[in-house]
Amino acid sequence: MQELIKNFIETTNAGDVAGALSLFAPDAIIDDVSVGDTFVGRDSVRLYLERFFVGYHTCSKLVSIKTIDDVHANVRLDFTGDFGHEVGTLKITLNADGLIARADADLD
């Protein structure tokens, strides 16, 4: 789980949408309360990454990872970008292949 989180941070910080997208299952869901929308499937996740990571020049720093079990973790991140500064949580669920099946995102 920690390696996947590290890869997510590195790829999104680099603006590497294809690299970040490779970490998600084809039917992945991102439910982001802070933007008031849910993104379902890789095409929608791609739009999310392009809009909120690349578009806002988002830079993420890991604050903490709380591993719940083999497939669930709560990840605290510090975000900076064109929007300013925010801290938030990603509740990550992996599928059987070790890809992100679901990410529930919210800002403090």
PDB file of N, CA and C in Angstrom:
ATOM      1  N   MET A   1       0.839  -1.198   0.000  1.00  0.00           N
ATOM      2  CA  MET A   1       0.000   0.000   0.000  1.00  0.00           C
ATOM      3  C   MET A   1       0.878   1.254   0.000  1.00  0.00           C
ATOM      4  N   GLN A   2       1.937   1.241   0.821  1.00  0.00           N
ATOM      5  CA  GLN A   2       2.784   2.427   0.902  1.00  0.00           C
ATOM      6  C   GLN A   2       3.460   2.742  -0.427  1.00  0.00           C
ATOM      7  N   GLU A   3       3.869   1.707  -1.154  1.00  0.00           N
ATOM      8  CA  GLU A   3       4.507   1.920  -2.461  1.00  0.00           C
ATOM      9  C   GLU A   3       3.513   2.535  -3.452  1.00  0.00           C
ATOM     10  N   LEU A   4       2.281   2.068  -3.429  1.00  0.00           N
ATOM     11  CA  LEU A   4       1.249   2.612  -4.312  1.00  0.00           C
ATOM     12  C   LEU A   4       0.994   4.087  -3.986  1.00  0.00           C
ATOM     13  N   ILE A   5       0.900   4.413  -2.710  1.00  0.00           N
ATOM     14  CA  ILE A   5       0.676   5.807  -2.295  1.00  0.00           C
ATOM     15  C   ILE A   5       1.849   6.671  -2.750  1.00  0.00           C
ATOM     16  N   LYS A   6       3.058   6.182  -2.554  1.00  0.00           N
ATOM     17  CA  LYS A   6       4.255   6.904  -2.998  1.00  0.00           C
ATOM     18  C   LYS A   6       4.207   7.139  -4.505  1.00  0.00           C
ATOM     19  N   ASN A   7       3.834   6.108  -5.265  1.00  0.00           N
ATOM     20  CA  ASN A   7       3.729   6.252  -6.726  1.00  0.00           C
ATOM     21  C   ASN A   7       2.646   7.250  -7.123  1.00  0.00           C
ATOM     22  N   PHE A   8       1.531   7.232  -6.400  1.00  0.00           N
ATOM     23  CA  PHE A   8       0.458   8.192  -6.677  1.00  0.00           C
ATOM     24  C   PHE A   8       0.957   9.619  -6.476  1.00  0.00           C
ATOM     25  N   ILE A   9       1.620   9.862  -5.368  1.00  0.00           N
ATOM     26  CA  ILE A   9       2.128  11.208  -5.079  1.00  0.00           C
ATOM     27  C   ILE A   9       3.156  11.628  -6.127  1.00  0.00           C
ATOM     28  N   GLU A  10       4.086  10.748  -6.444  1.00  0.00           N
ATOM     29  CA  GLU A  10       5.133  11.083  -7.417  1.00  0.00           C
ATOM     30  C   GLU A  10       4.554  11.368  -8.804  1.00  0.00           C
ATOM     31  N   THR A  11       3.625  10.525  -9.262  1.00  0.00           N
ATOM     32  CA  THR A  11       3.082  10.718 -10.611  1.00  0.00           C
ATOM     33  C   THR A  11       2.199  11.959 -10.692  1.00  0.00           C
ATOM     34  N   THR A  12       1.375  12.191  -9.672  1.00  0.00           N
ATOM     35  CA  THR A  12       0.522  13.386  -9.739  1.00  0.00           C
ATOM     36  C   THR A  12       1.347  14.655  -9.588  1.00  0.00           C
ATOM     37  N   ASN A  13       2.363  14.640  -8.729  1.00  0.00           N
ATOM     38  CA  ASN A  13       3.227  15.816  -8.588  1.00  0.00           C
ATOM     39  C   ASN A  13       3.967  16.117  -9.889  1.00  0.00           C
ATOM     40  N   ALA A  14       4.285  15.084 -10.661  1.00  0.00           N
ATOM     41  CA  ALA A  14       4.986  15.258 -11.935  1.00  0.00           C
ATOM     42  C   ALA A  14       4.032  15.601 -13.083  1.00  0.00           C
ATOM     43  N   GLY A  15       2.715  15.610 -12.803  1.00  0.00           N
ATOM     44  CA  GLY A  15       1.742  15.861 -13.862  1.00  0.00           C
ATOM     45  C   GLY A  15       1.619  14.689 -14.822  1.00  0.00           C
ATOM     46  N   ASP A  16       2.036  13.506 -14.373  1.00  0.00           N
ATOM     47  CA  ASP A  16       2.027  12.286 -15.189  1.00  0.00           C
ATOM     48  C   ASP A  16       0.675  11.591 -15.034  1.00  0.00           C
ATOM     49  N   VAL A  17      -0.300  12.038 -15.816  1.00  0.00           N
ATOM     50  CA  VAL A  17      -1.655  11.508 -15.707  1.00  0.00           C
ATOM     51  C   VAL A  17      -1.681  10.023 -16.063  1.00  0.00           C
ATOM     52  N   ALA A  18      -0.978   9.626 -17.119  1.00  0.00           N
ATOM     53  CA  ALA A  18      -0.960   8.215 -17.528  1.00  0.00           C
ATOM     54  C   ALA A  18      -0.366   7.344 -16.418  1.00  0.00           C
ATOM     55  N   GLY A  19       0.703   7.822 -15.796  1.00  0.00           N
ATOM     56  CA  GLY A  19       1.311   7.072 -14.706  1.00  0.00           C
ATOM     57  C   GLY A  19       0.380   6.944 -13.516  1.00  0.00           C
ATOM     58  N   ALA A  20      -0.266   8.033 -13.139  1.00  0.00           N
ATOM     59  CA  ALA A  20      -1.209   7.997 -12.020  1.00  0.00           C
ATOM     60  C   ALA A  20      -2.403   7.113 -12.355  1.00  0.00           C
ATOM     61  N   LEU A  21      -2.889   7.220 -13.570  1.00  0.00           N
ATOM     62  CA  LEU A  21      -4.051   6.442 -14.000  1.00  0.00           C
ATOM     63  C   LEU A  21      -3.766   4.947 -13.969  1.00  0.00           C
ATOM     64  N   SER A  22      -2.520   4.561 -14.192  1.00  0.00           N
ATOM     65  CA  SER A  22      -2.158   3.137 -14.181  1.00  0.00           C
ATOM     66  C   SER A  22      -2.313   2.517 -12.793  1.00  0.00           C
ATOM     67  N   LEU A  23      -2.461   3.328 -11.765  1.00  0.00           N
ATOM     68  CA  LEU A  23      -2.636   2.843 -10.402  1.00  0.00           C
ATOM     69  C   LEU A  23      -4.093   2.545 -10.070  1.00  0.00           C
ATOM     70  N   PHE A  24      -4.995   2.904 -10.980  1.00  0.00           N
ATOM     71  CA  PHE A  24      -6.435   2.761 -10.754  1.00  0.00           C
ATOM     72  C   PHE A  24      -7.013   1.588 -11.554  1.00  0.00           C
ATOM     73  N   ALA A  25      -7.966   0.902 -10.955  1.00  0.00           N
ATOM     74  CA  ALA A  25      -8.710  -0.148 -11.644  1.00  0.00           C
ATOM     75  C   ALA A  25      -9.546   0.485 -12.765  1.00  0.00           C
ATOM     76  N   PRO A  26      -9.858  -0.287 -13.800  1.00  0.00           N
ATOM     77  CA  PRO A  26     -10.671   0.261 -14.900  1.00  0.00           C
ATOM     78  C   PRO A  26     -12.019   0.826 -14.442  1.00  0.00           C
ATOM     79  N   ASP A  27     -12.601   0.255 -13.400  1.00  0.00           N
ATOM     80  CA  ASP A  27     -13.907   0.705 -12.904  1.00  0.00           C
ATOM     81  C   ASP A  27     -13.790   1.504 -11.604  1.00  0.00           C
ATOM     82  N   ALA A  28     -12.631   2.110 -11.388  1.00  0.00           N
ATOM     83  CA  ALA A  28     -12.366   2.860 -10.153  1.00  0.00           C
ATOM     84  C   ALA A  28     -13.359   4.000  -9.951  1.00  0.00           C
ATOM     85  N   ILE A  29     -13.539   4.325  -8.691  1.00  0.00           N
ATOM     86  CA  ILE A  29     -14.423   5.425  -8.294  1.00  0.00           C
ATOM     87  C   ILE A  29     -13.625   6.391  -7.422  1.00  0.00           C
ATOM     88  N   ILE A  30     -13.721   7.679  -7.742  1.00  0.00           N
ATOM     89  CA  ILE A  30     -13.235   8.726  -6.846  1.00  0.00           C
ATOM     90  C   ILE A  30     -14.449   9.544  -6.445  1.00  0.00           C
ATOM     91  N   ASP A  31     -14.727   9.560  -5.160  1.00  0.00           N
ATOM     92  CA  ASP A  31     -15.819  10.367  -4.617  1.00  0.00           C
ATOM     93  C   ASP A  31     -15.166  11.500  -3.830  1.00  0.00           C
ATOM     94  N   ASP A  32     -15.223  12.700  -4.377  1.00  0.00           N
ATOM     95  CA  ASP A  32     -14.543  13.851  -3.764  1.00  0.00           C
ATOM     96  C   ASP A  32     -15.574  14.844  -3.267  1.00  0.00           C
ATOM     97  N   VAL A  33     -15.817  14.809  -1.967  1.00  0.00           N
ATOM     98  CA  VAL A  33     -16.793  15.691  -1.333  1.00  0.00           C
ATOM     99  C   VAL A  33     -16.411  17.157  -1.544  1.00  0.00           C
ATOM    100  N   SER A  34     -15.115  17.448  -1.525  1.00  0.00           N
ATOM    101  CA  SER A  34     -14.664  18.840  -1.619  1.00  0.00           C
ATOM    102  C   SER A  34     -14.994  19.479  -2.964  1.00  0.00           C
ATOM    103  N   VAL A  35     -15.134  18.686  -4.016  1.00  0.00           N
ATOM    104  CA  VAL A  35     -15.518  19.243  -5.322  1.00  0.00           C
ATOM    105  C   VAL A  35     -16.974  18.918  -5.653  1.00  0.00           C
ATOM    106  N   GLY A  36     -17.618  18.143  -4.773  1.00  0.00           N
ATOM    107  CA  GLY A  36     -19.033  17.852  -4.934  1.00  0.00           C
ATOM    108  C   GLY A  36     -19.356  16.947  -6.104  1.00  0.00           C
ATOM    109  N   ASP A  37     -18.458  15.993  -6.400  1.00  0.00           N
ATOM    110  CA  ASP A  37     -18.699  15.123  -7.545  1.00  0.00           C
ATOM    111  C   ASP A  37     -18.074  13.756  -7.325  1.00  0.00           C
ATOM    112  N   THR A  38     -18.599  12.777  -8.063  1.00  0.00           N
ATOM    113  CA  THR A  38     -18.077  11.421  -8.064  1.00  0.00           C
ATOM    114  C   THR A  38     -17.626  11.101  -9.484  1.00  0.00           C
ATOM    115  N   PHE A  39     -16.469  10.478  -9.595  1.00  0.00           N
ATOM    116  CA  PHE A  39     -15.860  10.163 -10.881  1.00  0.00           C
ATOM    117  C   PHE A  39     -15.759   8.647 -10.984  1.00  0.00           C
ATOM    118  N   VAL A  40     -16.409   8.064 -11.997  1.00  0.00           N
ATOM    119  CA  VAL A  40     -16.520   6.614 -12.124  1.00  0.00           C
ATOM    120  C   VAL A  40     -15.877   6.160 -13.426  1.00  0.00           C
ATOM    121  N   GLY A  41     -14.937   5.231 -13.321  1.00  0.00           N
ATOM    122  CA  GLY A  41     -14.260   4.674 -14.487  1.00  0.00           C
ATOM    123  C   GLY A  41     -13.010   5.464 -14.844  1.00  0.00           C
ATOM    124  N   ARG A  42     -12.121   4.812 -15.587  1.00  0.00           N
ATOM    125  CA  ARG A  42     -10.820   5.426 -15.890  1.00  0.00           C
ATOM    126  C   ARG A  42     -10.938   6.737 -16.661  1.00  0.00           C
ATOM    127  N   ASP A  43     -11.871   6.843 -17.599  1.00  0.00           N
ATOM    128  CA  ASP A  43     -11.998   8.104 -18.348  1.00  0.00           C
ATOM    129  C   ASP A  43     -12.368   9.246 -17.422  1.00  0.00           C
ATOM    130  N   SER A  44     -13.257   8.976 -16.489  1.00  0.00           N
ATOM    131  CA  SER A  44     -13.674  10.001 -15.535  1.00  0.00           C
ATOM    132  C   SER A  44     -12.555  10.310 -14.535  1.00  0.00           C
ATOM    133  N   VAL A  45     -11.839   9.275 -14.104  1.00  0.00           N
ATOM    134  CA  VAL A  45     -10.702   9.484 -13.201  1.00  0.00           C
ATOM    135  C   VAL A  45      -9.631  10.315 -13.906  1.00  0.00           C
ATOM    136  N   ARG A  46      -9.426  10.063 -15.201  1.00  0.00           N
ATOM    137  CA  ARG A  46      -8.474  10.868 -15.976  1.00  0.00           C
ATOM    138  C   ARG A  46      -8.863  12.348 -15.945  1.00  0.00           C
ATOM    139  N   LEU A  47     -10.135  12.637 -16.159  1.00  0.00           N
ATOM    140  CA  LEU A  47     -10.604  14.025 -16.104  1.00  0.00           C
ATOM    141  C   LEU A  47     -10.355  14.641 -14.731  1.00  0.00           C
ATOM    142  N   TYR A  48     -10.603  13.863 -13.684  1.00  0.00           N
ATOM    143  CA  TYR A  48     -10.359  14.325 -12.315  1.00  0.00           C
ATOM    144  C   TYR A  48      -8.885  14.688 -12.134  1.00  0.00           C
ATOM    145  N   LEU A  49      -7.990  13.799 -12.531  1.00  0.00           N
ATOM    146  CA  LEU A  49      -6.550  14.041 -12.389  1.00  0.00           C
ATOM    147  C   LEU A  49      -6.113  15.247 -13.205  1.00  0.00           C
ATOM    148  N   GLU A  50      -6.609  15.353 -14.434  1.00  0.00           N
ATOM    149  CA  GLU A  50      -6.244  16.486 -15.298  1.00  0.00           C
ATOM    150  C   GLU A  50      -6.753  17.802 -14.720  1.00  0.00           C
ATOM    151  N   ARG A  51      -7.965  17.799 -14.219  1.00  0.00           N
ATOM    152  CA  ARG A  51      -8.573  19.031 -13.718  1.00  0.00           C
ATOM    153  C   ARG A  51      -7.998  19.464 -12.376  1.00  0.00           C
ATOM    154  N   PHE A  52      -7.933  18.548 -11.418  1.00  0.00           N
ATOM    155  CA  PHE A  52      -7.626  18.946 -10.047  1.00  0.00           C
ATOM    156  C   PHE A  52      -6.156  18.764  -9.651  1.00  0.00           C
ATOM    157  N   PHE A  53      -5.407  18.006 -10.393  1.00  0.00           N
ATOM    158  CA  PHE A  53      -3.981  17.866 -10.096  1.00  0.00           C
ATOM    159  C   PHE A  53      -3.144  18.643 -11.105  1.00  0.00           C
ATOM    160  N   VAL A  54      -3.299  18.326 -12.383  1.00  0.00           N
ATOM    161  CA  VAL A  54      -2.522  19.034 -13.402  1.00  0.00           C
ATOM    162  C   VAL A  54      -3.017  20.468 -13.543  1.00  0.00           C
ATOM    163  N   GLY A  55      -4.320  20.660 -13.659  1.00  0.00           N
ATOM    164  CA  GLY A  55      -4.905  21.977 -13.899  1.00  0.00           C
ATOM    165  C   GLY A  55      -4.617  22.998 -12.818  1.00  0.00           C
ATOM    166  N   TYR A  56      -4.538  22.538 -11.574  1.00  0.00           N
ATOM    167  CA  TYR A  56      -4.271  23.446 -10.457  1.00  0.00           C
ATOM    168  C   TYR A  56      -2.817  23.386  -9.987  1.00  0.00           C
ATOM    169  N   HIS A  57      -1.973  22.684 -10.748  1.00  0.00           N
ATOM    170  CA  HIS A  57      -0.555  22.539 -10.383  1.00  0.00           C
ATOM    171  C   HIS A  57      -0.413  22.058  -8.943  1.00  0.00           C
ATOM    172  N   THR A  58      -1.199  21.036  -8.610  1.00  0.00           N
ATOM    173  CA  THR A  58      -1.227  20.517  -7.253  1.00  0.00           C
ATOM    174  C   THR A  58       0.055  19.757  -6.921  1.00  0.00           C
ATOM    175  N   CYS A  59       0.596  20.057  -5.772  1.00  0.00           N
ATOM    176  CA  CYS A  59       1.747  19.336  -5.232  1.00  0.00           C
ATOM    177  C   CYS A  59       1.299  18.721  -3.906  1.00  0.00           C
ATOM    178  N   SER A  60       1.427  17.409  -3.803  1.00  0.00           N
ATOM    179  CA  SER A  60       0.980  16.696  -2.610  1.00  0.00           C
ATOM    180  C   SER A  60       2.171  16.226  -1.797  1.00  0.00           C
ATOM    181  N   LYS A  61       2.039  16.336  -0.471  1.00  0.00           N
ATOM    182  CA  LYS A  61       3.049  15.803   0.443  1.00  0.00           C
ATOM    183  C   LYS A  61       2.343  14.877   1.417  1.00  0.00           C
ATOM    184  N   LEU A  62       2.941  13.719   1.642  1.00  0.00           N
ATOM    185  CA  LEU A  62       2.380  12.754   2.565  1.00  0.00           C
ATOM    186  C   LEU A  62       2.502  13.249   3.998  1.00  0.00           C
ATOM    187  N   VAL A  63       1.386  13.223   4.714  1.00  0.00           N
ATOM    188  CA  VAL A  63       1.377  13.546   6.141  1.00  0.00           C
ATOM    189  C   VAL A  63       1.404  12.243   6.937  1.00  0.00           C
ATOM    190  N   SER A  64       0.501  11.303   6.578  1.00  0.00           N
ATOM    191  CA  SER A  64       0.460  10.025   7.276  1.00  0.00           C
ATOM    192  C   SER A  64      -0.330   8.996   6.480  1.00  0.00           C
ATOM    193  N   ILE A  65      -0.047   7.737   6.786  1.00  0.00           N
ATOM    194  CA  ILE A  65      -0.825   6.620   6.249  1.00  0.00           C
ATOM    195  C   ILE A  65      -1.271   5.777   7.433  1.00  0.00           C
ATOM    196  N   LYS A  66      -2.566   5.562   7.539  1.00  0.00           N
ATOM    197  CA  LYS A  66      -3.097   4.653   8.550  1.00  0.00           C
ATOM    198  C   LYS A  66      -3.649   3.441   7.816  1.00  0.00           C
ATOM    199  N   THR A  67      -2.935   2.335   7.898  1.00  0.00           N
ATOM    200  CA  THR A  67      -3.366   1.107   7.237  1.00  0.00           C
ATOM    201  C   THR A  67      -4.446   0.449   8.083  1.00  0.00           C
ATOM    202  N   ILE A  68      -5.590   0.206   7.467  1.00  0.00           N
ATOM    203  CA  ILE A  68      -6.711  -0.421   8.164  1.00  0.00           C
ATOM    204  C   ILE A  68      -6.576  -1.946   8.079  1.00  0.00           C
ATOM    205  N   ASP A  69      -6.327  -2.437   6.862  1.00  0.00           N
ATOM    206  CA  ASP A  69      -6.093  -3.857   6.599  1.00  0.00           C
ATOM    207  C   ASP A  69      -5.361  -3.949   5.266  1.00  0.00           C
ATOM    208  N   ASP A  70      -5.357  -5.111   4.640  1.00  0.00           N
ATOM    209  CA  ASP A  70      -4.590  -5.297   3.401  1.00  0.00           C
ATOM    210  C   ASP A  70      -5.098  -4.472   2.224  1.00  0.00           C
ATOM    211  N   VAL A  71      -6.348  -4.044   2.271  1.00  0.00           N
ATOM    212  CA  VAL A  71      -6.919  -3.336   1.120  1.00  0.00           C
ATOM    213  C   VAL A  71      -7.473  -1.945   1.439  1.00  0.00           C
ATOM    214  N   HIS A  72      -7.383  -1.519   2.685  1.00  0.00           N
ATOM    215  CA  HIS A  72      -7.919  -0.211   3.081  1.00  0.00           C
ATOM    216  C   HIS A  72      -6.866   0.603   3.825  1.00  0.00           C
ATOM    217  N   ALA A  73      -6.810   1.888   3.475  1.00  0.00           N
ATOM    218  CA  ALA A  73      -5.920   2.805   4.189  1.00  0.00           C
ATOM    219  C   ALA A  73      -6.505   4.208   4.144  1.00  0.00           C
ATOM    220  N   ASN A  74      -6.217   4.971   5.189  1.00  0.00           N
ATOM    221  CA  ASN A  74      -6.558   6.387   5.238  1.00  0.00           C
ATOM    222  C   ASN A  74      -5.260   7.166   5.091  1.00  0.00           C
ATOM    223  N   VAL A  75      -5.196   7.999   4.077  1.00  0.00           N
ATOM    224  CA  VAL A  75      -3.980   8.731   3.749  1.00  0.00           C
ATOM    225  C   VAL A  75      -4.235  10.217   3.951  1.00  0.00           C
ATOM    226  N   ARG A  76      -3.420  10.847   4.774  1.00  0.00           N
ATOM    227  CA  ARG A  76      -3.509  12.301   4.986  1.00  0.00           C
ATOM    228  C   ARG A  76      -2.464  12.946   4.090  1.00  0.00           C
ATOM    229  N   LEU A  77      -2.893  13.957   3.351  1.00  0.00           N
ATOM    230  CA  LEU A  77      -2.014  14.657   2.430  1.00  0.00           C
ATOM    231  C   LEU A  77      -2.097  16.153   2.642  1.00  0.00           C
ATOM    232  N   ASP A  78      -0.996  16.811   2.407  1.00  0.00           N
ATOM    233  CA  ASP A  78      -0.894  18.267   2.422  1.00  0.00           C
ATOM    234  C   ASP A  78      -0.810  18.692   0.963  1.00  0.00           C
ATOM    235  N   PHE A  79      -1.764  19.505   0.522  1.00  0.00           N
ATOM    236  CA  PHE A  79      -1.842  19.933  -0.876  1.00  0.00           C
ATOM    237  C   PHE A  79      -1.525  21.420  -1.003  1.00  0.00           C
ATOM    238  N   THR A  80      -0.712  21.768  -1.978  1.00  0.00           N
ATOM    239  CA  THR A  80      -0.525  23.164  -2.368  1.00  0.00           C
ATOM    240  C   THR A  80      -0.698  23.241  -3.873  1.00  0.00           C
ATOM    241  N   GLY A  81      -1.059  24.425  -4.341  1.00  0.00           N
ATOM    242  CA  GLY A  81      -1.252  24.631  -5.773  1.00  0.00           C
ATOM    243  C   GLY A  81      -1.857  25.994  -6.028  1.00  0.00           C
ATOM    244  N   ASP A  82      -2.400  26.168  -7.222  1.00  0.00           N
ATOM    245  CA  ASP A  82      -2.997  27.444  -7.605  1.00  0.00           C
ATOM    246  C   ASP A  82      -4.159  27.838  -6.702  1.00  0.00           C
ATOM    247  N   PHE A  83      -4.732  26.891  -5.988  1.00  0.00           N
ATOM    248  CA  PHE A  83      -5.855  27.128  -5.092  1.00  0.00           C
ATOM    249  C   PHE A  83      -5.400  27.584  -3.700  1.00  0.00           C
ATOM    250  N   GLY A  84      -4.099  27.480  -3.426  1.00  0.00           N
ATOM    251  CA  GLY A  84      -3.582  27.824  -2.105  1.00  0.00           C
ATOM    252  C   GLY A  84      -3.067  26.596  -1.394  1.00  0.00           C
ATOM    253  N   HIS A  85      -3.504  26.396  -0.157  1.00  0.00           N
ATOM    254  CA  HIS A  85      -3.024  25.296   0.684  1.00  0.00           C
ATOM    255  C   HIS A  85      -4.203  24.614   1.361  1.00  0.00           C
ATOM    256  N   GLU A  86      -4.218  23.290   1.323  1.00  0.00           N
ATOM    257  CA  GLU A  86      -5.265  22.499   1.981  1.00  0.00           C
ATOM    258  C   GLU A  86      -4.646  21.222   2.529  1.00  0.00           C
ATOM    259  N   VAL A  87      -5.287  20.657   3.521  1.00  0.00           N
ATOM    260  CA  VAL A  87      -4.932  19.335   4.028  1.00  0.00           C
ATOM    261  C   VAL A  87      -6.178  18.479   3.899  1.00  0.00           C
ATOM    262  N   GLY A  88      -5.993  17.231   3.487  1.00  0.00           N
ATOM    263  CA  GLY A  88      -7.146  16.374   3.295  1.00  0.00           C
ATOM    264  C   GLY A  88      -6.836  14.912   3.490  1.00  0.00           C
ATOM    265  N   THR A  89      -7.878  14.111   3.341  1.00  0.00           N
ATOM    266  CA  THR A  89      -7.789  12.665   3.535  1.00  0.00           C
ATOM    267  C   THR A  89      -8.273  11.947   2.293  1.00  0.00           C
ATOM    268  N   LEU A  90      -7.543  10.898   1.917  1.00  0.00           N
ATOM    269  CA  LEU A  90      -7.984   9.950   0.900  1.00  0.00           C
ATOM    270  C   LEU A  90      -8.195   8.618   1.599  1.00  0.00           C
ATOM    271  N   LYS A  91      -9.413   8.117   1.542  1.00  0.00           N
ATOM    272  CA  LYS A  91      -9.691   6.779   2.051  1.00  0.00           C
ATOM    273  C   LYS A  91      -9.605   5.855   0.845  1.00  0.00           C
ATOM    274  N   ILE A  92      -8.570   5.026   0.815  1.00  0.00           N
ATOM    275  CA  ILE A  92      -8.253   4.212  -0.349  1.00  0.00           C
ATOM    276  C   ILE A  92      -8.682   2.767  -0.126  1.00  0.00           C
ATOM    277  N   THR A  93      -9.290   2.205  -1.159  1.00  0.00           N
ATOM    278  CA  THR A  93      -9.625   0.780  -1.181  1.00  0.00           C
ATOM    279  C   THR A  93      -8.995   0.174  -2.423  1.00  0.00           C
ATOM    280  N   LEU A  94      -8.254  -0.914  -2.232  1.00  0.00           N
ATOM    281  CA  LEU A  94      -7.629  -1.616  -3.352  1.00  0.00           C
ATOM    282  C   LEU A  94      -8.493  -2.797  -3.780  1.00  0.00           C
ATOM    283  N   ASN A  95      -8.366  -3.167  -5.062  1.00  0.00           N
ATOM    284  CA  ASN A  95      -9.035  -4.374  -5.534  1.00  0.00           C
ATOM    285  C   ASN A  95      -8.087  -5.563  -5.391  1.00  0.00           C
ATOM    286  N   ALA A  96      -8.497  -6.737  -5.857  1.00  0.00           N
ATOM    287  CA  ALA A  96      -7.694  -7.966  -5.738  1.00  0.00           C
ATOM    288  C   ALA A  96      -6.377  -7.874  -6.506  1.00  0.00           C
ATOM    289  N   ASP A  97      -6.313  -6.995  -7.511  1.00  0.00           N
ATOM    290  CA  ASP A  97      -5.087  -6.821  -8.301  1.00  0.00           C
ATOM    291  C   ASP A  97      -4.150  -5.779  -7.707  1.00  0.00           C
ATOM    292  N   GLY A  98      -4.512  -5.195  -6.564  1.00  0.00           N
ATOM    293  CA  GLY A  98      -3.666  -4.188  -5.923  1.00  0.00           C
ATOM    294  C   GLY A  98      -3.786  -2.811  -6.549  1.00  0.00           C
ATOM    295  N   LEU A  99      -4.851  -2.583  -7.312  1.00  0.00           N
ATOM    296  CA  LEU A  99      -5.111  -1.269  -7.921  1.00  0.00           C
ATOM    297  C   LEU A  99      -6.156  -0.527  -7.094  1.00  0.00           C
ATOM    298  N   ILE A 100      -6.150   0.781  -7.206  1.00  0.00           N
ATOM    299  CA  ILE A 100      -7.135   1.586  -6.478  1.00  0.00           C
ATOM    300  C   ILE A 100      -8.512   1.347  -7.079  1.00  0.00           C
ATOM    301  N   ALA A 101      -9.401   0.794  -6.270  1.00  0.00           N
ATOM    302  CA  ALA A 101     -10.783   0.555  -6.697  1.00  0.00           C
ATOM    303  C   ALA A 101     -11.659   1.745  -6.321  1.00  0.00           C
ATOM    304  N   ARG A 102     -11.314   2.373  -5.194  1.00  0.00           N
ATOM    305  CA  ARG A 102     -12.116   3.503  -4.710  1.00  0.00           C
ATOM    306  C   ARG A 102     -11.231   4.426  -3.894  1.00  0.00           C
ATOM    307  N   ALA A 103     -11.465   5.718  -4.069  1.00  0.00           N
ATOM    308  CA  ALA A 103     -10.816   6.738  -3.241  1.00  0.00           C
ATOM    309  C   ALA A 103     -11.870   7.749  -2.838  1.00  0.00           C
ATOM    310  N   ASP A 104     -12.109   7.847  -1.549  1.00  0.00           N
ATOM    311  CA  ASP A 104     -13.023   8.847  -1.014  1.00  0.00           C
ATOM    312  C   ASP A 104     -12.166  10.003  -0.509  1.00  0.00           C
ATOM    313  N   ALA A 105     -12.349  11.160  -1.120  1.00  0.00           N
ATOM    314  CA  ALA A 105     -11.490  12.317  -0.840  1.00  0.00           C
ATOM    315  C   ALA A 105     -12.278  13.415  -0.153  1.00  0.00           C
ATOM    316  N   ASP A 106     -11.630  14.069   0.791  1.00  0.00           N
ATOM    317  CA  ASP A 106     -12.244  15.208   1.464  1.00  0.00           C
ATOM    318  C   ASP A 106     -11.141  16.103   2.023  1.00  0.00           C
ATOM    319  N   LEU A 107     -11.408  17.385   2.035  1.00  0.00           N
ATOM    320  CA  LEU A 107     -10.481  18.351   2.619  1.00  0.00           C
ATOM    321  C   LEU A 107     -10.961  18.720   4.013  1.00  0.00           C
ATOM    322  N   ASP A 108     -10.008  19.087   4.859  1.00  0.00           N
ATOM    323  CA  ASP A 108     -10.358  19.495   6.225  1.00  0.00           C
ATOM    324  C   ASP A 108     -11.141  20.797   6.218  1.00  0.00           C
TER     325      ASP A 108
END
